Amino acid sequence: MIIRNVELETVCGITSTFPENTQPEFAFAGKSNVGKSSLINALMNRKSLARTSSQPGKTQTINFYHINDAFYYVDLPGYGYAKASVEVKAKWGRMIERYLQKSAMLCCVFLLIDIRHEPSANDKLMYDWIVSNGYHPVIIATKMDKLNRSQIPKHVKMVREGLGVEKDGIVIPFSAETKQGRDEIWDLIERLAEAQDGTAQTDAALQ
């Protein structure tokens, strides 16, 4: 995919009204420090538009990045940040749930999991939560460069089984360092965006 232009178009806080976008949206969820901002930067072909930090819990808003004037990457707040209060965590959770339930243009939720470790209880809860909201999350297994190549299939299986991913569920190993997996994610986004556009055009024609 050639990224021609990127714009951080909308930033939504806990009480914000979400934009009524008319183009496909692709949301990215994951626990704090799993590499979500690094993945989004890699997919935007930018180094630092999505803020990365060694400090967990940096993303506390829902950020809408408009890509190529054609679709959106939606960066969701990280979960499992230990220093956040119970009240704040609950507010973030309600904000994410409101987005998942209200967005008419959400095509796909990408859930990021650290490939090196078994999915945590929070990871499993988030996976089940996304499924309960009617989506089939695509799993991005981050930090694959931290493993030997021979270890990757075993760890992909561990992630798949730990989350209870369906047999036809997609798990894509990814490295922000080497950009391995980026083309596969891009291809999936392009296919889903085209399908969503086709559906929207069909619906418009029927009205």
N, C-alpha and C. Protein backbone atom coordinates (compact mmCIF):
# COMPACT_ATOMS: atom_id res chain seq x y z
N MET A 1 0.85 -1.20 0.00
CA MET A 1 0.00 0.00 0.00
C MET A 1 0.88 1.25 0.00
N ILE A 2 0.59 2.20 -0.86
CA ILE A 2 1.29 3.47 -0.88
C ILE A 2 0.52 4.45 0.00
N ILE A 3 1.17 4.96 1.03
CA ILE A 3 0.54 5.94 1.92
C ILE A 3 0.87 7.33 1.40
N ARG A 4 -0.11 7.99 0.83
CA ARG A 4 0.10 9.31 0.23
C ARG A 4 -0.07 10.43 1.26
N ASN A 5 -1.07 10.32 2.11
CA ASN A 5 -1.24 11.36 3.13
C ASN A 5 -1.93 10.78 4.36
N VAL A 6 -1.59 11.38 5.49
CA VAL A 6 -2.11 10.96 6.80
C VAL A 6 -2.44 12.21 7.59
N GLU A 7 -3.58 12.21 8.25
CA GLU A 7 -3.96 13.34 9.09
C GLU A 7 -4.61 12.82 10.37
N LEU A 8 -4.11 13.32 11.51
CA LEU A 8 -4.79 13.05 12.77
C LEU A 8 -6.01 13.96 12.79
N GLU A 9 -7.16 13.40 12.46
CA GLU A 9 -8.34 14.21 12.18
C GLU A 9 -9.19 14.49 13.41
N THR A 10 -9.34 13.47 14.29
CA THR A 10 -10.22 13.63 15.45
C THR A 10 -9.60 12.94 16.66
N VAL A 11 -9.66 13.62 17.81
CA VAL A 11 -9.23 13.05 19.09
C VAL A 11 -10.42 13.10 20.04
N CYS A 12 -10.85 11.94 20.53
CA CYS A 12 -12.03 11.85 21.37
C CYS A 12 -11.66 11.45 22.80
N GLY A 13 -12.12 12.23 23.76
CA GLY A 13 -11.96 11.90 25.16
C GLY A 13 -13.17 11.15 25.69
N ILE A 14 -13.21 10.98 26.98
CA ILE A 14 -14.24 10.16 27.62
C ILE A 14 -15.64 10.69 27.34
N THR A 15 -15.79 12.02 27.30
CA THR A 15 -17.13 12.60 27.12
C THR A 15 -17.38 13.07 25.69
N SER A 16 -16.45 12.81 24.79
CA SER A 16 -16.58 13.33 23.42
C SER A 16 -17.66 12.60 22.63
N THR A 17 -18.19 13.31 21.63
CA THR A 17 -19.07 12.69 20.65
C THR A 17 -18.21 12.16 19.51
N PHE A 18 -18.43 10.90 19.13
CA PHE A 18 -17.61 10.31 18.08
C PHE A 18 -17.99 10.89 16.72
N PRO A 19 -17.02 11.02 15.83
CA PRO A 19 -17.33 11.55 14.49
C PRO A 19 -18.19 10.56 13.71
N GLU A 20 -19.06 11.10 12.87
CA GLU A 20 -19.89 10.25 12.00
C GLU A 20 -19.20 10.12 10.65
N ASN A 21 -18.13 9.33 10.63
CA ASN A 21 -17.35 9.16 9.41
C ASN A 21 -18.15 8.35 8.38
N THR A 22 -17.83 8.59 7.13
CA THR A 22 -18.52 7.89 6.04
C THR A 22 -17.58 6.97 5.27
N GLN A 23 -16.40 6.75 5.83
CA GLN A 23 -15.41 5.86 5.21
C GLN A 23 -15.01 4.77 6.20
N PRO A 24 -14.48 3.65 5.71
CA PRO A 24 -14.16 2.52 6.58
C PRO A 24 -13.20 2.88 7.72
N GLU A 25 -13.42 2.25 8.87
CA GLU A 25 -12.57 2.45 10.04
C GLU A 25 -11.96 1.11 10.46
N PHE A 26 -10.70 1.16 10.87
CA PHE A 26 -9.99 -0.02 11.36
C PHE A 26 -9.42 0.32 12.74
N ALA A 27 -9.91 -0.37 13.76
CA ALA A 27 -9.54 -0.05 15.14
C ALA A 27 -8.42 -0.96 15.63
N PHE A 28 -7.57 -0.39 16.49
CA PHE A 28 -6.43 -1.12 17.04
C PHE A 28 -6.50 -1.09 18.56
N ALA A 29 -6.57 -2.28 19.16
CA ALA A 29 -6.67 -2.42 20.61
C ALA A 29 -5.50 -3.26 21.11
N GLY A 30 -5.13 -3.05 22.35
CA GLY A 30 -4.05 -3.84 22.93
C GLY A 30 -3.70 -3.30 24.30
N LYS A 31 -3.05 -4.14 25.11
CA LYS A 31 -2.68 -3.68 26.44
C LYS A 31 -1.56 -2.65 26.34
N SER A 32 -1.39 -1.88 27.39
CA SER A 32 -0.36 -0.86 27.42
C SER A 32 1.02 -1.45 27.13
N ASN A 33 1.77 -0.76 26.30
CA ASN A 33 3.15 -1.13 25.97
C ASN A 33 3.27 -2.39 25.11
N VAL A 34 2.21 -2.77 24.40
CA VAL A 34 2.29 -3.95 23.52
C VAL A 34 2.86 -3.59 22.15
N GLY A 35 3.02 -2.28 21.89
CA GLY A 35 3.56 -1.84 20.60
C GLY A 35 2.51 -1.32 19.64
N LYS A 36 1.40 -0.83 20.18
CA LYS A 36 0.29 -0.39 19.33
C LYS A 36 0.66 0.85 18.51
N SER A 37 1.25 1.85 19.18
CA SER A 37 1.64 3.07 18.45
C SER A 37 2.72 2.76 17.41
N SER A 38 3.63 1.86 17.73
CA SER A 38 4.68 1.49 16.77
C SER A 38 4.08 0.80 15.55
N LEU A 39 3.08 -0.06 15.78
CA LEU A 39 2.40 -0.71 14.66
C LEU A 39 1.69 0.32 13.79
N ILE A 40 0.94 1.23 14.42
CA ILE A 40 0.19 2.22 13.65
C ILE A 40 1.14 3.12 12.86
N ASN A 41 2.26 3.53 13.46
CA ASN A 41 3.25 4.31 12.73
C ASN A 41 3.79 3.54 11.53
N ALA A 42 4.03 2.24 11.72
CA ALA A 42 4.53 1.42 10.61
C ALA A 42 3.50 1.33 9.50
N LEU A 43 2.22 1.20 9.87
CA LEU A 43 1.16 1.11 8.86
C LEU A 43 0.93 2.45 8.16
N MET A 44 1.21 3.55 8.85
CA MET A 44 1.10 4.87 8.23
C MET A 44 2.37 5.25 7.49
N ASN A 45 3.40 4.41 7.62
CA ASN A 45 4.71 4.68 7.02
C ASN A 45 5.28 5.99 7.55
N ARG A 46 5.05 6.23 8.83
CA ARG A 46 5.58 7.41 9.51
C ARG A 46 6.37 6.93 10.73
N LYS A 47 7.27 7.79 11.20
CA LYS A 47 8.10 7.39 12.33
C LYS A 47 7.47 7.73 13.68
N SER A 48 6.72 8.82 13.75
CA SER A 48 6.30 9.25 15.09
C SER A 48 4.99 10.01 15.11
N LEU A 49 4.09 9.74 14.17
CA LEU A 49 2.80 10.45 14.21
C LEU A 49 1.97 9.94 15.39
N ALA A 50 1.86 8.61 15.52
CA ALA A 50 1.26 8.05 16.73
C ALA A 50 2.32 8.05 17.81
N ARG A 51 2.02 8.67 18.95
CA ARG A 51 3.05 8.85 19.98
C ARG A 51 3.41 7.52 20.64
N THR A 52 4.70 7.22 20.61
CA THR A 52 5.18 6.02 21.29
C THR A 52 5.88 6.45 22.58
N SER A 53 5.86 5.56 23.55
CA SER A 53 6.46 5.90 24.84
C SER A 53 6.83 4.62 25.58
N SER A 54 7.90 4.70 26.36
CA SER A 54 8.24 3.58 27.24
C SER A 54 7.33 3.58 28.47
N GLN A 55 6.59 4.68 28.63
CA GLN A 55 5.65 4.78 29.77
C GLN A 55 4.29 4.23 29.36
N PRO A 56 3.83 3.16 29.99
CA PRO A 56 2.52 2.59 29.64
C PRO A 56 1.40 3.58 29.89
N GLY A 57 0.28 3.33 29.23
CA GLY A 57 -0.91 4.14 29.47
C GLY A 57 -0.89 5.49 28.81
N LYS A 58 -0.03 5.67 27.79
CA LYS A 58 0.11 6.98 27.16
C LYS A 58 -1.15 7.36 26.37
N THR A 59 -1.72 6.41 25.63
CA THR A 59 -2.92 6.70 24.85
C THR A 59 -4.15 6.64 25.76
N GLN A 60 -4.74 7.81 26.01
CA GLN A 60 -5.91 7.88 26.88
C GLN A 60 -7.12 8.43 26.14
N THR A 61 -6.98 8.58 24.84
CA THR A 61 -8.07 9.06 23.99
C THR A 61 -8.23 8.08 22.83
N ILE A 62 -9.33 8.26 22.08
CA ILE A 62 -9.49 7.51 20.84
C ILE A 62 -9.10 8.45 19.70
N ASN A 63 -8.08 8.07 18.97
CA ASN A 63 -7.51 8.93 17.93
C ASN A 63 -7.85 8.38 16.54
N PHE A 64 -8.40 9.25 15.70
CA PHE A 64 -8.81 8.87 14.34
C PHE A 64 -7.82 9.45 13.34
N TYR A 65 -7.07 8.57 12.67
CA TYR A 65 -6.12 8.99 11.64
C TYR A 65 -6.73 8.74 10.26
N HIS A 66 -6.85 9.80 9.47
CA HIS A 66 -7.43 9.69 8.12
C HIS A 66 -6.30 9.33 7.15
N ILE A 67 -6.46 8.21 6.47
CA ILE A 67 -5.39 7.68 5.61
C ILE A 67 -5.81 7.78 4.14
N ASN A 68 -4.97 8.47 3.35
CA ASN A 68 -5.19 8.57 1.90
C ASN A 68 -6.58 9.10 1.53
N ASP A 69 -7.18 9.87 2.44
CA ASP A 69 -8.54 10.38 2.22
C ASP A 69 -9.52 9.26 1.88
N ALA A 70 -9.24 8.05 2.38
CA ALA A 70 -10.03 6.89 1.98
C ALA A 70 -10.56 6.07 3.15
N PHE A 71 -9.83 6.02 4.27
CA PHE A 71 -10.26 5.24 5.42
C PHE A 71 -9.54 5.74 6.66
N TYR A 72 -9.86 5.14 7.81
CA TYR A 72 -9.33 5.60 9.10
C TYR A 72 -8.66 4.47 9.87
N TYR A 73 -7.54 4.80 10.53
CA TYR A 73 -7.00 3.96 11.59
C TYR A 73 -7.48 4.58 12.89
N VAL A 74 -8.01 3.76 13.78
CA VAL A 74 -8.56 4.26 15.05
C VAL A 74 -7.76 3.64 16.19
N ASP A 75 -7.03 4.48 16.90
CA ASP A 75 -6.15 4.05 17.99
C ASP A 75 -6.94 4.11 19.30
N LEU A 76 -7.21 2.94 19.88
CA LEU A 76 -7.97 2.85 21.13
C LEU A 76 -7.04 2.90 22.35
N PRO A 77 -7.51 3.38 23.49
CA PRO A 77 -6.66 3.41 24.69
C PRO A 77 -6.18 2.02 25.08
N GLY A 78 -4.94 1.94 25.55
CA GLY A 78 -4.41 0.66 26.01
C GLY A 78 -5.08 0.23 27.30
N TYR A 79 -5.23 -1.07 27.48
CA TYR A 79 -5.86 -1.58 28.70
C TYR A 79 -4.81 -2.25 29.59
N GLY A 80 -5.20 -2.51 30.82
CA GLY A 80 -4.31 -3.20 31.74
C GLY A 80 -3.23 -2.33 32.34
N TYR A 81 -3.40 -1.00 32.26
CA TYR A 81 -2.39 -0.10 32.83
C TYR A 81 -2.55 -0.06 34.35
N ALA A 82 -1.58 -0.63 35.05
CA ALA A 82 -1.71 -0.87 36.50
C ALA A 82 -1.87 0.41 37.31
N LYS A 83 -1.25 1.51 36.89
CA LYS A 83 -1.25 2.73 37.70
C LYS A 83 -2.53 3.55 37.53
N ALA A 84 -3.34 3.20 36.54
CA ALA A 84 -4.61 3.91 36.37
C ALA A 84 -5.58 3.46 37.46
N SER A 85 -6.38 4.40 37.94
CA SER A 85 -7.34 4.06 38.99
C SER A 85 -8.45 3.18 38.42
N VAL A 86 -9.15 2.49 39.30
CA VAL A 86 -10.27 1.65 38.87
C VAL A 86 -11.31 2.49 38.15
N GLU A 87 -11.54 3.70 38.65
CA GLU A 87 -12.54 4.59 38.05
C GLU A 87 -12.14 4.98 36.62
N VAL A 88 -10.86 5.32 36.45
CA VAL A 88 -10.37 5.72 35.12
C VAL A 88 -10.44 4.54 34.15
N LYS A 89 -10.03 3.36 34.63
CA LYS A 89 -10.09 2.17 33.78
C LYS A 89 -11.52 1.90 33.33
N ALA A 90 -12.47 2.07 34.25
CA ALA A 90 -13.88 1.84 33.91
C ALA A 90 -14.35 2.83 32.86
N LYS A 91 -13.91 4.08 32.98
CA LYS A 91 -14.30 5.10 32.00
C LYS A 91 -13.71 4.79 30.63
N TRP A 92 -12.44 4.37 30.58
CA TRP A 92 -11.84 3.98 29.31
C TRP A 92 -12.61 2.82 28.70
N GLY A 93 -12.97 1.85 29.55
CA GLY A 93 -13.71 0.68 29.06
C GLY A 93 -15.05 1.07 28.46
N ARG A 94 -15.75 1.96 29.15
CA ARG A 94 -17.05 2.40 28.64
C ARG A 94 -16.89 3.18 27.33
N MET A 95 -15.80 3.96 27.23
CA MET A 95 -15.55 4.72 26.01
C MET A 95 -15.29 3.79 24.83
N ILE A 96 -14.48 2.76 25.06
CA ILE A 96 -14.18 1.80 23.99
C ILE A 96 -15.44 1.05 23.59
N GLU A 97 -16.21 0.61 24.59
CA GLU A 97 -17.44 -0.13 24.29
C GLU A 97 -18.42 0.74 23.51
N ARG A 98 -18.51 2.01 23.89
CA ARG A 98 -19.42 2.93 23.18
C ARG A 98 -18.99 3.06 21.72
N TYR A 99 -17.68 3.13 21.51
CA TYR A 99 -17.19 3.21 20.12
C TYR A 99 -17.53 1.95 19.34
N LEU A 100 -17.25 0.79 19.92
CA LEU A 100 -17.51 -0.48 19.22
C LEU A 100 -18.99 -0.62 18.87
N GLN A 101 -19.85 -0.13 19.74
CA GLN A 101 -21.28 -0.29 19.53
C GLN A 101 -21.87 0.78 18.61
N LYS A 102 -21.25 1.96 18.57
CA LYS A 102 -21.84 3.09 17.84
C LYS A 102 -21.29 3.28 16.43
N SER A 103 -20.05 2.85 16.18
CA SER A 103 -19.46 3.15 14.87
C SER A 103 -20.14 2.34 13.76
N ALA A 104 -20.68 3.07 12.80
CA ALA A 104 -21.35 2.41 11.67
C ALA A 104 -20.36 1.97 10.59
N MET A 105 -19.12 2.49 10.65
CA MET A 105 -18.15 2.24 9.58
C MET A 105 -16.99 1.35 10.02
N LEU A 106 -17.07 0.81 11.24
CA LEU A 106 -15.98 -0.04 11.73
C LEU A 106 -15.96 -1.36 10.99
N CYS A 107 -14.89 -1.61 10.26
CA CYS A 107 -14.74 -2.83 9.46
C CYS A 107 -14.13 -3.97 10.25
N CYS A 108 -13.14 -3.62 11.09
CA CYS A 108 -12.35 -4.68 11.71
C CYS A 108 -11.66 -4.13 12.95
N VAL A 109 -11.54 -4.98 13.97
CA VAL A 109 -10.76 -4.65 15.16
C VAL A 109 -9.51 -5.52 15.17
N PHE A 110 -8.36 -4.88 15.20
CA PHE A 110 -7.09 -5.58 15.34
C PHE A 110 -6.71 -5.59 16.82
N LEU A 111 -6.48 -6.78 17.36
CA LEU A 111 -6.09 -6.92 18.77
C LEU A 111 -4.63 -7.32 18.83
N LEU A 112 -3.82 -6.50 19.48
CA LEU A 112 -2.38 -6.75 19.55
C LEU A 112 -2.04 -7.55 20.80
N ILE A 113 -1.24 -8.59 20.61
CA ILE A 113 -0.80 -9.47 21.69
C ILE A 113 0.71 -9.66 21.56
N ASP A 114 1.43 -9.56 22.67
CA ASP A 114 2.87 -9.79 22.68
C ASP A 114 3.13 -11.27 22.40
N ILE A 115 3.79 -11.57 21.28
CA ILE A 115 3.99 -12.95 20.85
C ILE A 115 4.86 -13.74 21.81
N ARG A 116 5.62 -13.05 22.65
CA ARG A 116 6.58 -13.75 23.51
C ARG A 116 5.91 -14.44 24.70
N HIS A 117 4.71 -13.99 25.05
CA HIS A 117 4.08 -14.47 26.29
C HIS A 117 2.68 -15.01 26.03
N GLU A 118 2.25 -15.88 26.92
CA GLU A 118 0.86 -16.34 26.85
C GLU A 118 -0.06 -15.14 27.07
N PRO A 119 -1.19 -15.10 26.37
CA PRO A 119 -2.13 -14.00 26.58
C PRO A 119 -2.53 -13.90 28.05
N SER A 120 -2.61 -12.67 28.52
CA SER A 120 -2.99 -12.44 29.92
C SER A 120 -4.50 -12.55 30.08
N ALA A 121 -4.94 -12.52 31.33
CA ALA A 121 -6.39 -12.54 31.59
C ALA A 121 -7.06 -11.34 30.94
N ASN A 122 -6.38 -10.16 30.98
CA ASN A 122 -6.92 -8.96 30.35
C ASN A 122 -7.02 -9.12 28.84
N ASP A 123 -6.02 -9.78 28.25
CA ASP A 123 -6.06 -10.03 26.80
C ASP A 123 -7.27 -10.90 26.44
N LYS A 124 -7.47 -11.94 27.22
CA LYS A 124 -8.58 -12.86 26.96
C LYS A 124 -9.92 -12.14 27.14
N LEU A 125 -10.02 -11.31 28.18
CA LEU A 125 -11.23 -10.54 28.41
C LEU A 125 -11.51 -9.61 27.23
N MET A 126 -10.47 -8.92 26.74
CA MET A 126 -10.65 -8.01 25.62
C MET A 126 -11.07 -8.76 24.36
N TYR A 127 -10.44 -9.92 24.11
CA TYR A 127 -10.81 -10.72 22.94
C TYR A 127 -12.29 -11.11 23.02
N ASP A 128 -12.69 -11.64 24.16
CA ASP A 128 -14.09 -12.08 24.33
C ASP A 128 -15.05 -10.90 24.23
N TRP A 129 -14.63 -9.76 24.74
CA TRP A 129 -15.44 -8.55 24.71
C TRP A 129 -15.68 -8.07 23.27
N ILE A 130 -14.60 -8.08 22.48
CA ILE A 130 -14.72 -7.67 21.07
C ILE A 130 -15.66 -8.62 20.34
N VAL A 131 -15.51 -9.92 20.60
CA VAL A 131 -16.38 -10.91 19.96
C VAL A 131 -17.83 -10.69 20.38
N SER A 132 -18.04 -10.39 21.66
CA SER A 132 -19.41 -10.20 22.15
C SER A 132 -20.07 -8.97 21.54
N ASN A 133 -19.24 -8.04 21.03
CA ASN A 133 -19.78 -6.86 20.37
C ASN A 133 -19.97 -7.07 18.87
N GLY A 134 -19.80 -8.33 18.43
CA GLY A 134 -20.15 -8.67 17.06
C GLY A 134 -19.01 -8.66 16.06
N TYR A 135 -17.77 -8.58 16.54
CA TYR A 135 -16.63 -8.52 15.63
C TYR A 135 -15.78 -9.79 15.74
N HIS A 136 -15.03 -10.08 14.68
CA HIS A 136 -14.08 -11.18 14.67
C HIS A 136 -12.68 -10.56 14.65
N PRO A 137 -12.08 -10.36 15.82
CA PRO A 137 -10.81 -9.63 15.86
C PRO A 137 -9.69 -10.35 15.10
N VAL A 138 -8.89 -9.56 14.42
CA VAL A 138 -7.66 -10.06 13.80
C VAL A 138 -6.55 -9.87 14.81
N ILE A 139 -5.83 -10.92 15.11
CA ILE A 139 -4.77 -10.85 16.13
C ILE A 139 -3.45 -10.47 15.47
N ILE A 140 -2.82 -9.42 15.99
CA ILE A 140 -1.47 -9.04 15.56
C ILE A 140 -0.52 -9.44 16.69
N ALA A 141 0.33 -10.42 16.42
CA ALA A 141 1.29 -10.91 17.42
C ALA A 141 2.57 -10.10 17.29
N THR A 142 2.71 -9.10 18.18
CA THR A 142 3.80 -8.12 18.06
C THR A 142 5.12 -8.66 18.63
N LYS A 143 6.17 -7.92 18.32
CA LYS A 143 7.53 -8.15 18.85
C LYS A 143 8.11 -9.49 18.38
N MET A 144 7.75 -9.91 17.16
CA MET A 144 8.25 -11.18 16.66
C MET A 144 9.76 -11.19 16.47
N ASP A 145 10.37 -10.00 16.33
CA ASP A 145 11.83 -9.93 16.17
C ASP A 145 12.57 -10.33 17.44
N LYS A 146 11.85 -10.42 18.56
CA LYS A 146 12.46 -10.82 19.83
C LYS A 146 12.61 -12.34 19.94
N LEU A 147 12.05 -13.07 18.96
CA LEU A 147 12.13 -14.53 18.96
C LEU A 147 13.01 -15.00 17.81
N ASN A 148 13.54 -16.21 17.98
CA ASN A 148 14.17 -16.86 16.84
C ASN A 148 13.08 -17.29 15.86
N ARG A 149 13.41 -17.31 14.58
CA ARG A 149 12.41 -17.65 13.57
C ARG A 149 11.78 -19.01 13.84
N SER A 150 12.57 -19.96 14.33
CA SER A 150 12.04 -21.30 14.58
C SER A 150 11.02 -21.32 15.72
N GLN A 151 11.04 -20.30 16.59
CA GLN A 151 10.12 -20.24 17.73
C GLN A 151 8.74 -19.69 17.36
N ILE A 152 8.66 -18.98 16.24
CA ILE A 152 7.45 -18.22 15.92
C ILE A 152 6.21 -19.11 15.78
N PRO A 153 6.25 -20.23 15.02
CA PRO A 153 5.03 -21.05 14.91
C PRO A 153 4.51 -21.53 16.26
N LYS A 154 5.43 -21.93 17.15
CA LYS A 154 5.02 -22.40 18.48
C LYS A 154 4.33 -21.29 19.26
N HIS A 155 4.86 -20.08 19.16
CA HIS A 155 4.29 -18.96 19.92
C HIS A 155 2.98 -18.47 19.31
N VAL A 156 2.87 -18.54 17.99
CA VAL A 156 1.59 -18.21 17.35
C VAL A 156 0.50 -19.16 17.84
N LYS A 157 0.85 -20.45 17.93
CA LYS A 157 -0.09 -21.45 18.43
C LYS A 157 -0.47 -21.15 19.88
N MET A 158 0.52 -20.72 20.68
CA MET A 158 0.27 -20.38 22.08
C MET A 158 -0.71 -19.21 22.19
N VAL A 159 -0.51 -18.20 21.36
CA VAL A 159 -1.41 -17.04 21.36
C VAL A 159 -2.81 -17.45 20.93
N ARG A 160 -2.87 -18.23 19.87
CA ARG A 160 -4.17 -18.67 19.33
C ARG A 160 -4.95 -19.47 20.38
N GLU A 161 -4.28 -20.41 21.01
CA GLU A 161 -4.96 -21.26 22.00
C GLU A 161 -5.28 -20.49 23.27
N GLY A 162 -4.39 -19.57 23.67
CA GLY A 162 -4.61 -18.79 24.89
C GLY A 162 -5.83 -17.88 24.80
N LEU A 163 -6.10 -17.38 23.59
CA LEU A 163 -7.26 -16.51 23.40
C LEU A 163 -8.51 -17.29 23.04
N GLY A 164 -8.32 -18.53 22.55
CA GLY A 164 -9.46 -19.28 22.04
C GLY A 164 -9.90 -18.80 20.68
N VAL A 165 -8.93 -18.45 19.83
CA VAL A 165 -9.24 -17.95 18.49
C VAL A 165 -9.87 -19.07 17.66
N GLU A 166 -10.91 -18.71 16.91
CA GLU A 166 -11.58 -19.69 16.05
C GLU A 166 -10.59 -20.26 15.03
N LYS A 167 -10.92 -21.42 14.48
CA LYS A 167 -10.02 -22.08 13.53
C LYS A 167 -9.71 -21.21 12.33
N ASP A 168 -10.72 -20.46 11.87
CA ASP A 168 -10.49 -19.61 10.71
C ASP A 168 -10.08 -18.19 11.10
N GLY A 169 -9.81 -17.97 12.40
CA GLY A 169 -9.37 -16.66 12.85
C GLY A 169 -7.96 -16.36 12.37
N ILE A 170 -7.67 -15.08 12.16
CA ILE A 170 -6.39 -14.66 11.59
C ILE A 170 -5.44 -14.21 12.69
N VAL A 171 -4.22 -14.75 12.66
CA VAL A 171 -3.15 -14.31 13.56
C VAL A 171 -1.96 -13.93 12.69
N ILE A 172 -1.52 -12.68 12.77
CA ILE A 172 -0.42 -12.19 11.94
C ILE A 172 0.76 -11.79 12.82
N PRO A 173 1.89 -12.52 12.74
CA PRO A 173 3.09 -12.09 13.46
C PRO A 173 3.61 -10.78 12.86
N PHE A 174 4.09 -9.88 13.74
CA PHE A 174 4.50 -8.56 13.26
C PHE A 174 5.71 -8.08 14.05
N SER A 175 6.60 -7.35 13.36
CA SER A 175 7.73 -6.70 14.01
C SER A 175 7.80 -5.24 13.58
N ALA A 176 7.77 -4.33 14.56
CA ALA A 176 7.93 -2.91 14.25
C ALA A 176 9.35 -2.59 13.83
N GLU A 177 10.29 -3.45 14.22
CA GLU A 177 11.70 -3.23 13.87
C GLU A 177 11.97 -3.58 12.41
N THR A 178 11.52 -4.74 11.99
CA THR A 178 11.83 -5.22 10.63
C THR A 178 10.70 -4.96 9.64
N LYS A 179 9.52 -4.59 10.17
CA LYS A 179 8.29 -4.37 9.38
C LYS A 179 7.74 -5.67 8.80
N GLN A 180 8.21 -6.82 9.27
CA GLN A 180 7.61 -8.09 8.83
C GLN A 180 6.16 -8.15 9.29
N GLY A 181 5.29 -8.55 8.38
CA GLY A 181 3.87 -8.63 8.67
C GLY A 181 3.10 -7.41 8.20
N ARG A 182 3.81 -6.31 7.92
CA ARG A 182 3.11 -5.08 7.53
C ARG A 182 2.35 -5.24 6.22
N ASP A 183 2.98 -5.85 5.23
CA ASP A 183 2.32 -6.01 3.94
C ASP A 183 1.06 -6.87 4.05
N GLU A 184 1.12 -7.89 4.89
CA GLU A 184 -0.04 -8.75 5.09
C GLU A 184 -1.19 -7.99 5.72
N ILE A 185 -0.87 -7.12 6.68
CA ILE A 185 -1.91 -6.31 7.33
C ILE A 185 -2.47 -5.31 6.32
N TRP A 186 -1.61 -4.66 5.56
CA TRP A 186 -2.05 -3.72 4.53
C TRP A 186 -3.01 -4.39 3.54
N ASP A 187 -2.62 -5.59 3.08
CA ASP A 187 -3.45 -6.30 2.10
C ASP A 187 -4.84 -6.58 2.67
N LEU A 188 -4.88 -6.99 3.94
CA LEU A 188 -6.16 -7.28 4.59
C LEU A 188 -7.00 -6.01 4.70
N ILE A 189 -6.38 -4.89 5.09
CA ILE A 189 -7.09 -3.63 5.22
C ILE A 189 -7.66 -3.19 3.86
N GLU A 190 -6.86 -3.32 2.81
CA GLU A 190 -7.33 -2.93 1.48
C GLU A 190 -8.54 -3.76 1.05
N ARG A 191 -8.48 -5.07 1.28
CA ARG A 191 -9.60 -5.94 0.90
C ARG A 191 -10.87 -5.59 1.68
N LEU A 192 -10.71 -5.38 2.99
CA LEU A 192 -11.87 -5.07 3.81
C LEU A 192 -12.45 -3.69 3.49
N ALA A 193 -11.57 -2.73 3.20
CA ALA A 193 -12.04 -1.38 2.85
C ALA A 193 -12.83 -1.41 1.55
N GLU A 194 -12.34 -2.16 0.58
CA GLU A 194 -13.04 -2.28 -0.70
C GLU A 194 -14.40 -2.94 -0.51
N ALA A 195 -14.44 -3.97 0.34
CA ALA A 195 -15.71 -4.66 0.61
C ALA A 195 -16.69 -3.73 1.31
N GLN A 196 -16.19 -2.93 2.27
CA GLN A 196 -17.05 -2.00 3.00
C GLN A 196 -17.59 -0.92 2.06
N ASP A 197 -16.72 -0.42 1.17
CA ASP A 197 -17.17 0.59 0.21
C ASP A 197 -18.24 0.03 -0.70
N GLY A 198 -18.06 -1.22 -1.12
CA GLY A 198 -19.05 -1.86 -1.98
C GLY A 198 -20.39 -2.01 -1.30
N THR A 199 -20.34 -2.38 -0.02
CA THR A 199 -21.58 -2.51 0.76
C THR A 199 -22.28 -1.18 0.91
N ALA A 200 -21.49 -0.13 1.20
CA ALA A 200 -22.06 1.22 1.37
C ALA A 200 -22.73 1.69 0.08
N GLN A 201 -22.07 1.42 -1.06
CA GLN A 201 -22.63 1.85 -2.34
C GLN A 201 -23.92 1.10 -2.65
N THR A 202 -23.94 -0.19 -2.32
CA THR A 202 -25.15 -0.99 -2.54
C THR A 202 -26.29 -0.49 -1.68
N ASP A 203 -25.98 -0.19 -0.40
CA ASP A 203 -27.01 0.33 0.50
C ASP A 203 -27.55 1.65 -0.01
N ALA A 204 -26.65 2.52 -0.51
CA ALA A 204 -27.08 3.83 -1.00
C ALA A 204 -27.99 3.69 -2.22
N ALA A 205 -27.67 2.71 -3.06
CA ALA A 205 -28.46 2.50 -4.27
C ALA A 205 -29.85 1.98 -3.95
N LEU A 206 -29.99 1.26 -2.82
CA LEU A 206 -31.27 0.69 -2.45
C LEU A 206 -32.18 1.71 -1.77
N GLN A 207 -31.60 2.82 -1.33
CA GLN A 207 -32.41 3.80 -0.61
C GLN A 207 -33.19 4.70 -1.57
